[in-house]
Amino acid sequence: KILNEAVKVSGGDYLIFLDGDCIPRRDFVETHLRNSAKGFFLS
């Protein structure tokens, strides 16, 4: 439910999901964006 509320207020065309107990490496966002493509989700 709270994820749906967060999605609604988000302004991104592309959404990256991260848990609040997972520290991302400095290239985390860059890696998601570099691999993004229409017709796919990233795992």
PDB file of all heavy atoms in Angstrom:
ATOM      1  N   LYS A   1       0.828  -1.213   0.000  1.00  0.00           N
ATOM      2  CA  LYS A   1       0.000   0.000   0.000  1.00  0.00           C
ATOM      3  C   LYS A   1       0.862   1.262   0.000  1.00  0.00           C
ATOM      4  O   LYS A   1       0.619   2.199  -0.775  1.00  0.00           O
ATOM      5  CB  LYS A   1      -0.944   0.017   1.209  1.00  0.00           C
ATOM      6  CG  LYS A   1      -1.817   1.268   1.287  1.00  0.00           C
ATOM      7  CD  LYS A   1      -2.827   1.182   2.414  1.00  0.00           C
ATOM      8  CE  LYS A   1      -3.624   2.486   2.536  1.00  0.00           C
ATOM      9  NZ  LYS A   1      -4.321   2.843   1.281  1.00  0.00           N
ATOM     10  N   ILE A   2       1.877   1.302   0.853  1.00  0.00           N
ATOM     11  CA  ILE A   2       2.700   2.507   0.917  1.00  0.00           C
ATOM     12  C   ILE A   2       3.560   2.649  -0.339  1.00  0.00           C
ATOM     13  O   ILE A   2       3.866   3.770  -0.765  1.00  0.00           O
ATOM     14  CB  ILE A   2       3.564   2.536   2.201  1.00  0.00           C
ATOM     15  CG1 ILE A   2       4.021   3.976   2.512  1.00  0.00           C
ATOM     16  CG2 ILE A   2       4.736   1.587   2.123  1.00  0.00           C
ATOM     17  CD1 ILE A   2       2.902   4.948   2.780  1.00  0.00           C
ATOM     18  N   LEU A   3       3.911   1.531  -0.965  1.00  0.00           N
ATOM     19  CA  LEU A   3       4.620   1.618  -2.242  1.00  0.00           C
ATOM     20  C   LEU A   3       3.741   2.261  -3.306  1.00  0.00           C
ATOM     21  O   LEU A   3       4.204   3.098  -4.091  1.00  0.00           O
ATOM     22  CB  LEU A   3       5.071   0.236  -2.710  1.00  0.00           C
ATOM     23  CG  LEU A   3       6.291  -0.379  -2.027  1.00  0.00           C
ATOM     24  CD1 LEU A   3       6.560  -1.777  -2.573  1.00  0.00           C
ATOM     25  CD2 LEU A   3       7.530   0.498  -2.179  1.00  0.00           C
ATOM     26  N   ASN A   4       2.467   1.878  -3.327  1.00  0.00           N
ATOM     27  CA  ASN A   4       1.550   2.500  -4.291  1.00  0.00           C
ATOM     28  C   ASN A   4       1.424   3.998  -4.055  1.00  0.00           C
ATOM     29  O   ASN A   4       1.391   4.790  -5.008  1.00  0.00           O
ATOM     30  CB  ASN A   4       0.163   1.835  -4.208  1.00  0.00           C
ATOM     31  CG  ASN A   4       0.120   0.487  -4.898  1.00  0.00           C
ATOM     32  OD1 ASN A   4       0.925   0.199  -5.780  1.00  0.00           O
ATOM     33  ND2 ASN A   4      -0.827  -0.348  -4.501  1.00  0.00           N
ATOM     34  N   GLU A   5       1.378   4.399  -2.785  1.00  0.00           N
ATOM     35  CA  GLU A   5       1.295   5.831  -2.481  1.00  0.00           C
ATOM     36  C   GLU A   5       2.578   6.545  -2.917  1.00  0.00           C
ATOM     37  O   GLU A   5       2.529   7.673  -3.434  1.00  0.00           O
ATOM     38  CB  GLU A   5       1.054   6.035  -0.979  1.00  0.00           C
ATOM     39  CG  GLU A   5      -0.277   5.491  -0.472  1.00  0.00           C
ATOM     40  CD  GLU A   5      -1.462   6.109  -1.204  1.00  0.00           C
ATOM     41  OE1 GLU A   5      -1.476   7.337  -1.399  1.00  0.00           O
ATOM     42  OE2 GLU A   5      -2.371   5.347  -1.597  1.00  0.00           O
ATOM     43  N   ALA A   6       3.717   5.897  -2.716  1.00  0.00           N
ATOM     44  CA  ALA A   6       4.994   6.491  -3.121  1.00  0.00           C
ATOM     45  C   ALA A   6       5.083   6.611  -4.641  1.00  0.00           C
ATOM     46  O   ALA A   6       5.579   7.617  -5.167  1.00  0.00           O
ATOM     47  CB  ALA A   6       6.151   5.653  -2.585  1.00  0.00           C
ATOM     48  N   VAL A   7       4.609   5.605  -5.351  1.00  0.00           N
ATOM     49  CA  VAL A   7       4.600   5.653  -6.813  1.00  0.00           C
ATOM     50  C   VAL A   7       3.759   6.823  -7.293  1.00  0.00           C
ATOM     51  O   VAL A   7       4.146   7.549  -8.219  1.00  0.00           O
ATOM     52  CB  VAL A   7       4.075   4.321  -7.396  1.00  0.00           C
ATOM     53  CG1 VAL A   7       3.761   4.462  -8.884  1.00  0.00           C
ATOM     54  CG2 VAL A   7       5.090   3.200  -7.179  1.00  0.00           C
ATOM     55  N   LYS A   8       2.624   7.029  -6.654  1.00  0.00           N
ATOM     56  CA  LYS A   8       1.715   8.108  -7.078  1.00  0.00           C
ATOM     57  C   LYS A   8       2.349   9.486  -6.954  1.00  0.00           C
ATOM     58  O   LYS A   8       2.138  10.353  -7.801  1.00  0.00           O
ATOM     59  CB  LYS A   8       0.409   8.054  -6.267  1.00  0.00           C
ATOM     60  CG  LYS A   8      -0.527   6.953  -6.711  1.00  0.00           C
ATOM     61  CD  LYS A   8      -1.936   7.137  -6.162  1.00  0.00           C
ATOM     62  CE  LYS A   8      -2.013   6.857  -4.698  1.00  0.00           C
ATOM     63  NZ  LYS A   8      -3.424   6.893  -4.194  1.00  0.00           N
ATOM     64  N   VAL A   9       3.126   9.714  -5.898  1.00  0.00           N
ATOM     65  CA  VAL A   9       3.705  11.054  -5.696  1.00  0.00           C
ATOM     66  C   VAL A   9       5.057  11.212  -6.383  1.00  0.00           C
ATOM     67  O   VAL A   9       5.580  12.319  -6.471  1.00  0.00           O
ATOM     68  CB  VAL A   9       3.850  11.386  -4.194  1.00  0.00           C
ATOM     69  CG1 VAL A   9       2.527  11.222  -3.466  1.00  0.00           C
ATOM     70  CG2 VAL A   9       4.936  10.561  -3.538  1.00  0.00           C
ATOM     71  N   SER A  10       5.630  10.113  -6.865  1.00  0.00           N
ATOM     72  CA  SER A  10       6.938  10.187  -7.520  1.00  0.00           C
ATOM     73  C   SER A  10       6.828  10.938  -8.842  1.00  0.00           C
ATOM     74  O   SER A  10       5.786  10.939  -9.491  1.00  0.00           O
ATOM     75  CB  SER A  10       7.501   8.782  -7.770  1.00  0.00           C
ATOM     76  OG  SER A  10       6.703   8.081  -8.714  1.00  0.00           O
ATOM     77  N   GLY A  11       7.928  11.568  -9.228  1.00  0.00           N
ATOM     78  CA  GLY A  11       7.938  12.336 -10.470  1.00  0.00           C
ATOM     79  C   GLY A  11       8.742  11.704 -11.577  1.00  0.00           C
ATOM     80  O   GLY A  11       8.879  12.283 -12.657  1.00  0.00           O
ATOM     81  N   GLY A  12       9.275  10.502 -11.334  1.00  0.00           N
ATOM     82  CA  GLY A  12      10.153   9.875 -12.316  1.00  0.00           C
ATOM     83  C   GLY A  12       9.419   9.151 -13.421  1.00  0.00           C
ATOM     84  O   GLY A  12       8.358   8.562 -13.199  1.00  0.00           O
ATOM     85  N   ASP A  13      10.000   9.186 -14.605  1.00  0.00           N
ATOM     86  CA  ASP A  13       9.547   8.325 -15.702  1.00  0.00           C
ATOM     87  C   ASP A  13      10.058   6.908 -15.481  1.00  0.00           C
ATOM     88  O   ASP A  13       9.457   5.943 -15.962  1.00  0.00           O
ATOM     89  CB  ASP A  13      10.088   8.836 -17.039  1.00  0.00           C
ATOM     90  CG  ASP A  13       9.714  10.281 -17.305  1.00  0.00           C
ATOM     91  OD1 ASP A  13       8.511  10.589 -17.278  1.00  0.00           O
ATOM     92  OD2 ASP A  13      10.632  11.105 -17.527  1.00  0.00           O
ATOM     93  N   TYR A  14      11.183   6.824 -14.763  1.00  0.00           N
ATOM     94  CA  TYR A  14      11.799   5.533 -14.461  1.00  0.00           C
ATOM     95  C   TYR A  14      11.929   5.419 -12.946  1.00  0.00           C
ATOM     96  O   TYR A  14      12.400   6.353 -12.284  1.00  0.00           O
ATOM     97  CB  TYR A  14      13.180   5.419 -15.110  1.00  0.00           C
ATOM     98  CG  TYR A  14      13.696   4.006 -15.161  1.00  0.00           C
ATOM     99  CD1 TYR A  14      13.218   3.098 -16.102  1.00  0.00           C
ATOM    100  CD2 TYR A  14      14.653   3.571 -14.249  1.00  0.00           C
ATOM    101  CE1 TYR A  14      13.679   1.796 -16.142  1.00  0.00           C
ATOM    102  CE2 TYR A  14      15.117   2.264 -14.282  1.00  0.00           C
ATOM    103  CZ  TYR A  14      14.628   1.385 -15.235  1.00  0.00           C
ATOM    104  OH  TYR A  14      15.076   0.086 -15.259  1.00  0.00           O
ATOM    105  N   LEU A  15      11.495   4.273 -12.379  1.00  0.00           N
ATOM    106  CA  LEU A  15      11.454   4.102 -10.931  1.00  0.00           C
ATOM    107  C   LEU A  15      12.368   2.966 -10.493  1.00  0.00           C
ATOM    108  O   LEU A  15      12.265   1.840 -10.996  1.00  0.00           O
ATOM    109  CB  LEU A  15      10.023   3.812 -10.469  1.00  0.00           C
ATOM    110  CG  LEU A  15       8.938   4.804 -10.908  1.00  0.00           C
ATOM    111  CD1 LEU A  15       7.596   4.433 -10.300  1.00  0.00           C
ATOM    112  CD2 LEU A  15       9.311   6.232 -10.535  1.00  0.00           C
ATOM    113  N   ILE A  16      13.259   3.280  -9.572  1.00  0.00           N
ATOM    114  CA  ILE A  16      14.175   2.298  -8.991  1.00  0.00           C
ATOM    115  C   ILE A  16      13.717   2.026  -7.562  1.00  0.00           C
ATOM    116  O   ILE A  16      13.503   2.959  -6.781  1.00  0.00           O
ATOM    117  CB  ILE A  16      15.621   2.828  -8.981  1.00  0.00           C
ATOM    118  CG1 ILE A  16      16.079   3.182 -10.401  1.00  0.00           C
ATOM    119  CG2 ILE A  16      16.567   1.805  -8.356  1.00  0.00           C
ATOM    120  CD1 ILE A  16      17.412   3.929 -10.436  1.00  0.00           C
ATOM    121  N   PHE A  17      13.579   0.758  -7.205  1.00  0.00           N
ATOM    122  CA  PHE A  17      13.101   0.380  -5.877  1.00  0.00           C
ATOM    123  C   PHE A  17      14.253  -0.173  -5.048  1.00  0.00           C
ATOM    124  O   PHE A  17      15.001  -1.052  -5.495  1.00  0.00           O
ATOM    125  CB  PHE A  17      11.980  -0.654  -5.995  1.00  0.00           C
ATOM    126  CG  PHE A  17      10.717  -0.094  -6.582  1.00  0.00           C
ATOM    127  CD1 PHE A  17      10.596   0.081  -7.947  1.00  0.00           C
ATOM    128  CD2 PHE A  17       9.662   0.292  -5.769  1.00  0.00           C
ATOM    129  CE1 PHE A  17       9.440   0.619  -8.511  1.00  0.00           C
ATOM    130  CE2 PHE A  17       8.497   0.833  -6.311  1.00  0.00           C
ATOM    131  CZ  PHE A  17       8.390   0.993  -7.692  1.00  0.00           C
ATOM    132  N   LEU A  18      14.368   0.349  -3.828  1.00  0.00           N
ATOM    133  CA  LEU A  18      15.462  -0.002  -2.919  1.00  0.00           C
ATOM    134  C   LEU A  18      14.895  -0.112  -1.513  1.00  0.00           C
ATOM    135  O   LEU A  18      14.081   0.718  -1.100  1.00  0.00           O
ATOM    136  CB  LEU A  18      16.532   1.093  -2.975  1.00  0.00           C
ATOM    137  CG  LEU A  18      17.751   0.970  -2.061  1.00  0.00           C
ATOM    138  CD1 LEU A  18      18.622  -0.215  -2.500  1.00  0.00           C
ATOM    139  CD2 LEU A  18      18.566   2.267  -2.085  1.00  0.00           C
ATOM    140  N   ASP A  19      15.291  -1.136  -0.776  1.00  0.00           N
ATOM    141  CA  ASP A  19      14.841  -1.262   0.609  1.00  0.00           C
ATOM    142  C   ASP A  19      15.681  -0.381   1.526  1.00  0.00           C
ATOM    143  O   ASP A  19      16.870  -0.137   1.268  1.00  0.00           O
ATOM    144  CB  ASP A  19      14.918  -2.714   1.077  1.00  0.00           C
ATOM    145  CG  ASP A  19      13.704  -3.521   0.649  1.00  0.00           C
ATOM    146  OD1 ASP A  19      12.701  -2.919   0.237  1.00  0.00           O
ATOM    147  OD2 ASP A  19      13.766  -4.766   0.726  1.00  0.00           O
ATOM    148  N   GLY A  20      15.070   0.065   2.611  1.00  0.00           N
ATOM    149  CA  GLY A  20      15.733   0.961   3.549  1.00  0.00           C
ATOM    150  C   GLY A  20      16.752   0.298   4.442  1.00  0.00           C
ATOM    151  O   GLY A  20      17.208   0.896   5.430  1.00  0.00           O
ATOM    152  N   ASP A  21      17.123  -0.949   4.126  1.00  0.00           N
ATOM    153  CA  ASP A  21      18.210  -1.632   4.839  1.00  0.00           C
ATOM    154  C   ASP A  21      19.303  -2.076   3.870  1.00  0.00           C
ATOM    155  O   ASP A  21      20.112  -2.939   4.196  1.00  0.00           O
ATOM    156  CB  ASP A  21      17.669  -2.834   5.630  1.00  0.00           C
ATOM    157  CG  ASP A  21      16.839  -3.781   4.768  1.00  0.00           C
ATOM    158  OD1 ASP A  21      16.936  -3.703   3.524  1.00  0.00           O
ATOM    159  OD2 ASP A  21      16.090  -4.592   5.330  1.00  0.00           O
ATOM    160  N   CYS A  22      19.320  -1.475   2.666  1.00  0.00           N
ATOM    161  CA  CYS A  22      20.289  -1.868   1.636  1.00  0.00           C
ATOM    162  C   CYS A  22      21.103  -0.648   1.192  1.00  0.00           C
ATOM    163  O   CYS A  22      20.575   0.259   0.539  1.00  0.00           O
ATOM    164  CB  CYS A  22      19.574  -2.474   0.437  1.00  0.00           C
ATOM    165  SG  CYS A  22      18.767  -4.059   0.785  1.00  0.00           S
ATOM    166  N   ILE A  23      22.379  -0.622   1.551  1.00  0.00           N
ATOM    167  CA  ILE A  23      23.257   0.498   1.187  1.00  0.00           C
ATOM    168  C   ILE A  23      23.722   0.317  -0.252  1.00  0.00           C
ATOM    169  O   ILE A  23      24.370  -0.680  -0.575  1.00  0.00           O
ATOM    170  CB  ILE A  23      24.479   0.576   2.117  1.00  0.00           C
ATOM    171  CG1 ILE A  23      24.058   0.631   3.587  1.00  0.00           C
ATOM    172  CG2 ILE A  23      25.341   1.792   1.761  1.00  0.00           C
ATOM    173  CD1 ILE A  23      25.223   0.565   4.563  1.00  0.00           C
ATOM    174  N   PRO A  24      23.433   1.276  -1.134  1.00  0.00           N
ATOM    175  CA  PRO A  24      23.837   1.125  -2.537  1.00  0.00           C
ATOM    176  C   PRO A  24      25.272   1.572  -2.788  1.00  0.00           C
ATOM    177  O   PRO A  24      25.738   2.548  -2.200  1.00  0.00           O
ATOM    178  CB  PRO A  24      22.853   2.052  -3.265  1.00  0.00           C
ATOM    179  CG  PRO A  24      22.594   3.151  -2.272  1.00  0.00           C
ATOM    180  CD  PRO A  24      22.620   2.493  -0.909  1.00  0.00           C
ATOM    181  N   ARG A  25      25.965   0.845  -3.649  1.00  0.00           N
ATOM    182  CA  ARG A  25      27.294   1.277  -4.092  1.00  0.00           C
ATOM    183  C   ARG A  25      27.150   2.544  -4.935  1.00  0.00           C
ATOM    184  O   ARG A  25      26.074   2.828  -5.469  1.00  0.00           O
ATOM    185  CB  ARG A  25      27.969   0.152  -4.889  1.00  0.00           C
ATOM    186  CG  ARG A  25      29.475   0.311  -5.043  1.00  0.00           C
ATOM    187  CD  ARG A  25      30.107  -0.952  -5.604  1.00  0.00           C
ATOM    188  NE  ARG A  25      29.682  -1.223  -6.981  1.00  0.00           N
ATOM    189  CZ  ARG A  25      30.006  -2.327  -7.657  1.00  0.00           C
ATOM    190  NH1 ARG A  25      30.740  -3.265  -7.067  1.00  0.00           N
ATOM    191  NH2 ARG A  25      29.585  -2.504  -8.890  1.00  0.00           N
ATOM    192  N   ARG A  26      28.213   3.289  -5.098  1.00  0.00           N
ATOM    193  CA  ARG A  26      28.137   4.609  -5.738  1.00  0.00           C
ATOM    194  C   ARG A  26      27.634   4.552  -7.181  1.00  0.00           C
ATOM    195  O   ARG A  26      27.137   5.538  -7.710  1.00  0.00           O
ATOM    196  CB  ARG A  26      29.494   5.303  -5.688  1.00  0.00           C
ATOM    197  CG  ARG A  26      30.581   4.666  -6.546  1.00  0.00           C
ATOM    198  CD  ARG A  26      31.899   5.427  -6.422  1.00  0.00           C
ATOM    199  NE  ARG A  26      31.752   6.831  -6.785  1.00  0.00           N
ATOM    200  CZ  ARG A  26      31.843   7.286  -8.036  1.00  0.00           C
ATOM    201  NH1 ARG A  26      32.040   6.439  -9.039  1.00  0.00           N
ATOM    202  NH2 ARG A  26      31.726   8.567  -8.283  1.00  0.00           N
ATOM    203  N   ASP A  27      27.747   3.393  -7.842  1.00  0.00           N
ATOM    204  CA  ASP A  27      27.286   3.274  -9.228  1.00  0.00           C
ATOM    205  C   ASP A  27      25.917   2.605  -9.336  1.00  0.00           C
ATOM    206  O   ASP A  27      25.507   2.192 -10.431  1.00  0.00           O
ATOM    207  CB  ASP A  27      28.311   2.497 -10.063  1.00  0.00           C
ATOM    208  CG  ASP A  27      28.553   1.084  -9.540  1.00  0.00           C
ATOM    209  OD1 ASP A  27      28.163   0.786  -8.387  1.00  0.00           O
ATOM    210  OD2 ASP A  27      29.147   0.270 -10.273  1.00  0.00           O
ATOM    211  N   PHE A  28      25.203   2.508  -8.227  1.00  0.00           N
ATOM    212  CA  PHE A  28      23.922   1.794  -8.191  1.00  0.00           C
ATOM    213  C   PHE A  28      22.900   2.420  -9.143  1.00  0.00           C
ATOM    214  O   PHE A  28      22.352   1.745 -10.023  1.00  0.00           O
ATOM    215  CB  PHE A  28      23.386   1.793  -6.756  1.00  0.00           C
ATOM    216  CG  PHE A  28      22.045   1.139  -6.588  1.00  0.00           C
ATOM    217  CD1 PHE A  28      21.939  -0.233  -6.469  1.00  0.00           C
ATOM    218  CD2 PHE A  28      20.884   1.897  -6.521  1.00  0.00           C
ATOM    219  CE1 PHE A  28      20.707  -0.846  -6.305  1.00  0.00           C
ATOM    220  CE2 PHE A  28      19.644   1.304  -6.354  1.00  0.00           C
ATOM    221  CZ  PHE A  28      19.558  -0.069  -6.242  1.00  0.00           C
ATOM    222  N   VAL A  29      22.634   3.708  -8.982  1.00  0.00           N
ATOM    223  CA  VAL A  29      21.657   4.381  -9.843  1.00  0.00           C
ATOM    224  C   VAL A  29      22.146   4.373 -11.285  1.00  0.00           C
ATOM    225  O   VAL A  29      21.380   4.097 -12.225  1.00  0.00           O
ATOM    226  CB  VAL A  29      21.391   5.820  -9.357  1.00  0.00           C
ATOM    227  CG1 VAL A  29      20.527   6.587 -10.358  1.00  0.00           C
ATOM    228  CG2 VAL A  29      20.708   5.802  -7.989  1.00  0.00           C
ATOM    229  N   GLU A  30      23.420   4.664 -11.486  1.00  0.00           N
ATOM    230  CA  GLU A  30      23.985   4.679 -12.837  1.00  0.00           C
ATOM    231  C   GLU A  30      23.820   3.326 -13.524  1.00  0.00           C
ATOM    232  O   GLU A  30      23.484   3.254 -14.721  1.00  0.00           O
ATOM    233  CB  GLU A  30      25.472   5.044 -12.768  1.00  0.00           C
ATOM    234  CG  GLU A  30      26.155   5.087 -14.117  1.00  0.00           C
ATOM    235  CD  GLU A  30      27.639   5.413 -14.014  1.00  0.00           C
ATOM    236  OE1 GLU A  30      28.075   5.861 -12.941  1.00  0.00           O
ATOM    237  OE2 GLU A  30      28.340   5.228 -15.025  1.00  0.00           O
ATOM    238  N   THR A  31      24.020   2.243 -12.792  1.00  0.00           N
ATOM    239  CA  THR A  31      23.887   0.903 -13.363  1.00  0.00           C
ATOM    240  C   THR A  31      22.456   0.623 -13.789  1.00  0.00           C
ATOM    241  O   THR A  31      22.210   0.075 -14.877  1.00  0.00           O
ATOM    242  CB  THR A  31      24.355  -0.159 -12.347  1.00  0.00           C
ATOM    243  OG1 THR A  31      25.734   0.049 -12.061  1.00  0.00           O
ATOM    244  CG2 THR A  31      24.154  -1.561 -12.886  1.00  0.00           C
ATOM    245  N   HIS A  32      21.498   0.999 -12.947  1.00  0.00           N
ATOM    246  CA  HIS A  32      20.091   0.808 -13.321  1.00  0.00           C
ATOM    247  C   HIS A  32      19.755   1.602 -14.583  1.00  0.00           C
ATOM    248  O   HIS A  32      19.074   1.089 -15.486  1.00  0.00           O
ATOM    249  CB  HIS A  32      19.175   1.210 -12.170  1.00  0.00           C
ATOM    250  CG  HIS A  32      18.939   0.110 -11.181  1.00  0.00           C
ATOM    251  ND1 HIS A  32      17.923  -0.811 -11.329  1.00  0.00           N
ATOM    252  CD2 HIS A  32      19.584  -0.223 -10.036  1.00  0.00           C
ATOM    253  CE1 HIS A  32      17.952  -1.666 -10.323  1.00  0.00           C
ATOM    254  NE2 HIS A  32      18.948  -1.327  -9.514  1.00  0.00           N
ATOM    255  N   LEU A  33      20.220   2.830 -14.654  1.00  0.00           N
ATOM    256  CA  LEU A  33      19.883   3.660 -15.811  1.00  0.00           C
ATOM    257  C   LEU A  33      20.588   3.171 -17.071  1.00  0.00           C
ATOM    258  O   LEU A  33      19.998   3.177 -18.162  1.00  0.00           O
ATOM    259  CB  LEU A  33      20.247   5.117 -15.530  1.00  0.00           C
ATOM    260  CG  LEU A  33      19.510   5.781 -14.366  1.00  0.00           C
ATOM    261  CD1 LEU A  33      19.813   7.271 -14.315  1.00  0.00           C
ATOM    262  CD2 LEU A  33      18.007   5.550 -14.460  1.00  0.00           C
ATOM    263  N   ARG A  34      21.828   2.747 -16.943  1.00  0.00           N
ATOM    264  CA  ARG A  34      22.578   2.286 -18.108  1.00  0.00           C
ATOM    265  C   ARG A  34      21.941   1.035 -18.711  1.00  0.00           C
ATOM    266  O   ARG A  34      22.000   0.818 -19.930  1.00  0.00           O
ATOM    267  CB  ARG A  34      24.026   1.990 -17.721  1.00  0.00           C
ATOM    268  CG  ARG A  34      24.900   1.642 -18.930  1.00  0.00           C
ATOM    269  CD  ARG A  34      26.281   1.165 -18.554  1.00  0.00           C
ATOM    270  NE  ARG A  34      26.991   2.110 -17.712  1.00  0.00           N
ATOM    271  CZ  ARG A  34      27.333   1.897 -16.459  1.00  0.00           C
ATOM    272  NH1 ARG A  34      27.015   0.751 -15.880  1.00  0.00           N
ATOM    273  NH2 ARG A  34      27.982   2.798 -15.761  1.00  0.00           N
ATOM    274  N   ASN A  35      21.347   0.217 -17.870  1.00  0.00           N
ATOM    275  CA  ASN A  35      20.745  -1.034 -18.343  1.00  0.00           C
ATOM    276  C   ASN A  35      19.254  -0.931 -18.637  1.00  0.00           C
ATOM    277  O   ASN A  35      18.643  -1.901 -19.087  1.00  0.00           O
ATOM    278  CB  ASN A  35      20.980  -2.139 -17.313  1.00  0.00           C
ATOM    279  CG  ASN A  35      22.422  -2.603 -17.277  1.00  0.00           C
ATOM    280  OD1 ASN A  35      22.833  -3.447 -18.076  1.00  0.00           O
ATOM    281  ND2 ASN A  35      23.201  -2.054 -16.349  1.00  0.00           N
ATOM    282  N   SER A  36      18.666   0.226 -18.384  1.00  0.00           N
ATOM    283  CA  SER A  36      17.228   0.383 -18.618  1.00  0.00           C
ATOM    284  C   SER A  36      16.908   0.288 -20.100  1.00  0.00           C
ATOM    285  O   SER A  36      17.681   0.749 -20.951  1.00  0.00           O
ATOM    286  CB  SER A  36      16.750   1.736 -18.065  1.00  0.00           C
ATOM    287  OG  SER A  36      17.380   2.806 -18.749  1.00  0.00           O
ATOM    288  N   ALA A  37      15.781  -0.326 -20.418  1.00  0.00           N
ATOM    289  CA  ALA A  37      15.348  -0.462 -21.811  1.00  0.00           C
ATOM    290  C   ALA A  37      13.846  -0.708 -21.825  1.00  0.00           C
ATOM    291  O   ALA A  37      13.301  -1.354 -20.921  1.00  0.00           O
ATOM    292  CB  ALA A  37      16.080  -1.608 -22.500  1.00  0.00           C
ATOM    293  N   LYS A  38      13.192  -0.200 -22.831  1.00  0.00           N
ATOM    294  CA  LYS A  38      11.760  -0.432 -22.972  1.00  0.00           C
ATOM    295  C   LYS A  38      11.493  -1.924 -23.129  1.00  0.00           C
ATOM    296  O   LYS A  38      12.224  -2.649 -23.808  1.00  0.00           O
ATOM    297  CB  LYS A  38      11.211   0.326 -24.183  1.00  0.00           C
ATOM    298  CG  LYS A  38      11.167   1.829 -23.994  1.00  0.00           C
ATOM    299  CD  LYS A  38      10.136   2.225 -22.935  1.00  0.00           C
ATOM    300  CE  LYS A  38       9.996   3.748 -22.862  1.00  0.00           C
ATOM    301  NZ  LYS A  38       8.969   4.160 -21.888  1.00  0.00           N
ATOM    302  N   GLY A  39      10.430  -2.375 -22.475  1.00  0.00           N
ATOM    303  CA  GLY A  39      10.062  -3.781 -22.537  1.00  0.00           C
ATOM    304  C   GLY A  39      10.722  -4.652 -21.492  1.00  0.00           C
ATOM    305  O   GLY A  39      10.537  -5.873 -21.489  1.00  0.00           O
ATOM    306  N   PHE A  40      11.485  -4.021 -20.571  1.00  0.00           N
ATOM    307  CA  PHE A  40      12.215  -4.779 -19.559  1.00  0.00           C
ATOM    308  C   PHE A  40      12.021  -4.202 -18.164  1.00  0.00           C
ATOM    309  O   PHE A  40      11.744  -3.012 -18.002  1.00  0.00           O
ATOM    310  CB  PHE A  40      13.720  -4.781 -19.862  1.00  0.00           C
ATOM    311  CG  PHE A  40      14.107  -5.620 -21.038  1.00  0.00           C
ATOM    312  CD1 PHE A  40      14.119  -5.070 -22.310  1.00  0.00           C
ATOM    313  CD2 PHE A  40      14.459  -6.950 -20.868  1.00  0.00           C
ATOM    314  CE1 PHE A  40      14.481  -5.836 -23.401  1.00  0.00           C
ATOM    315  CE2 PHE A  40      14.822  -7.721 -21.960  1.00  0.00           C
ATOM    316  CZ  PHE A  40      14.833  -7.172 -23.231  1.00  0.00           C
ATOM    317  N   PHE A  41      12.202  -5.062 -17.148  1.00  0.00           N
ATOM    318  CA  PHE A  41      12.470  -4.608 -15.790  1.00  0.00           C
ATOM    319  C   PHE A  41      13.816  -5.185 -15.404  1.00  0.00           C
ATOM    320  O   PHE A  41      14.276  -6.181 -15.978  1.00  0.00           O
ATOM    321  CB  PHE A  41      11.362  -5.032 -14.812  1.00  0.00           C
ATOM    322  CG  PHE A  41      11.307  -6.506 -14.481  1.00  0.00           C
ATOM    323  CD1 PHE A  41      12.089  -7.056 -13.470  1.00  0.00           C
ATOM    324  CD2 PHE A  41      10.445  -7.364 -15.175  1.00  0.00           C
ATOM    325  CE1 PHE A  41      12.030  -8.413 -13.157  1.00  0.00           C
ATOM    326  CE2 PHE A  41      10.376  -8.712 -14.874  1.00  0.00           C
ATOM    327  CZ  PHE A  41      11.167  -9.245 -13.861  1.00  0.00           C
ATOM    328  N   LEU A  42      14.485  -4.540 -14.456  1.00  0.00           N
ATOM    329  CA  LEU A  42      15.810  -4.969 -14.027  1.00  0.00           C
ATOM    330  C   LEU A  42      15.732  -5.659 -12.668  1.00  0.00           C
ATOM    331  O   LEU A  42      15.017  -5.208 -11.775  1.00  0.00           O
ATOM    332  CB  LEU A  42      16.755  -3.772 -13.949  1.00  0.00           C
ATOM    333  CG  LEU A  42      16.936  -2.992 -15.255  1.00  0.00           C
ATOM    334  CD1 LEU A  42      17.919  -1.841 -15.050  1.00  0.00           C
ATOM    335  CD2 LEU A  42      17.397  -3.891 -16.388  1.00  0.00           C
ATOM    336  N   SER A  43      16.482  -6.730 -12.539  1.00  0.00           N
ATOM    337  CA  SER A  43      16.456  -7.565 -11.338  1.00  0.00           C
ATOM    338  C   SER A  43      17.822  -7.580 -10.673  1.00  0.00           C
ATOM    339  O   SER A  43      18.780  -8.158 -11.187  1.00  0.00           O
ATOM    340  CB  SER A  43      16.053  -8.997 -11.726  1.00  0.00           C
ATOM    341  OG  SER A  43      16.161  -9.873 -10.625  1.00  0.00           O
TER     342      SER A  43
END
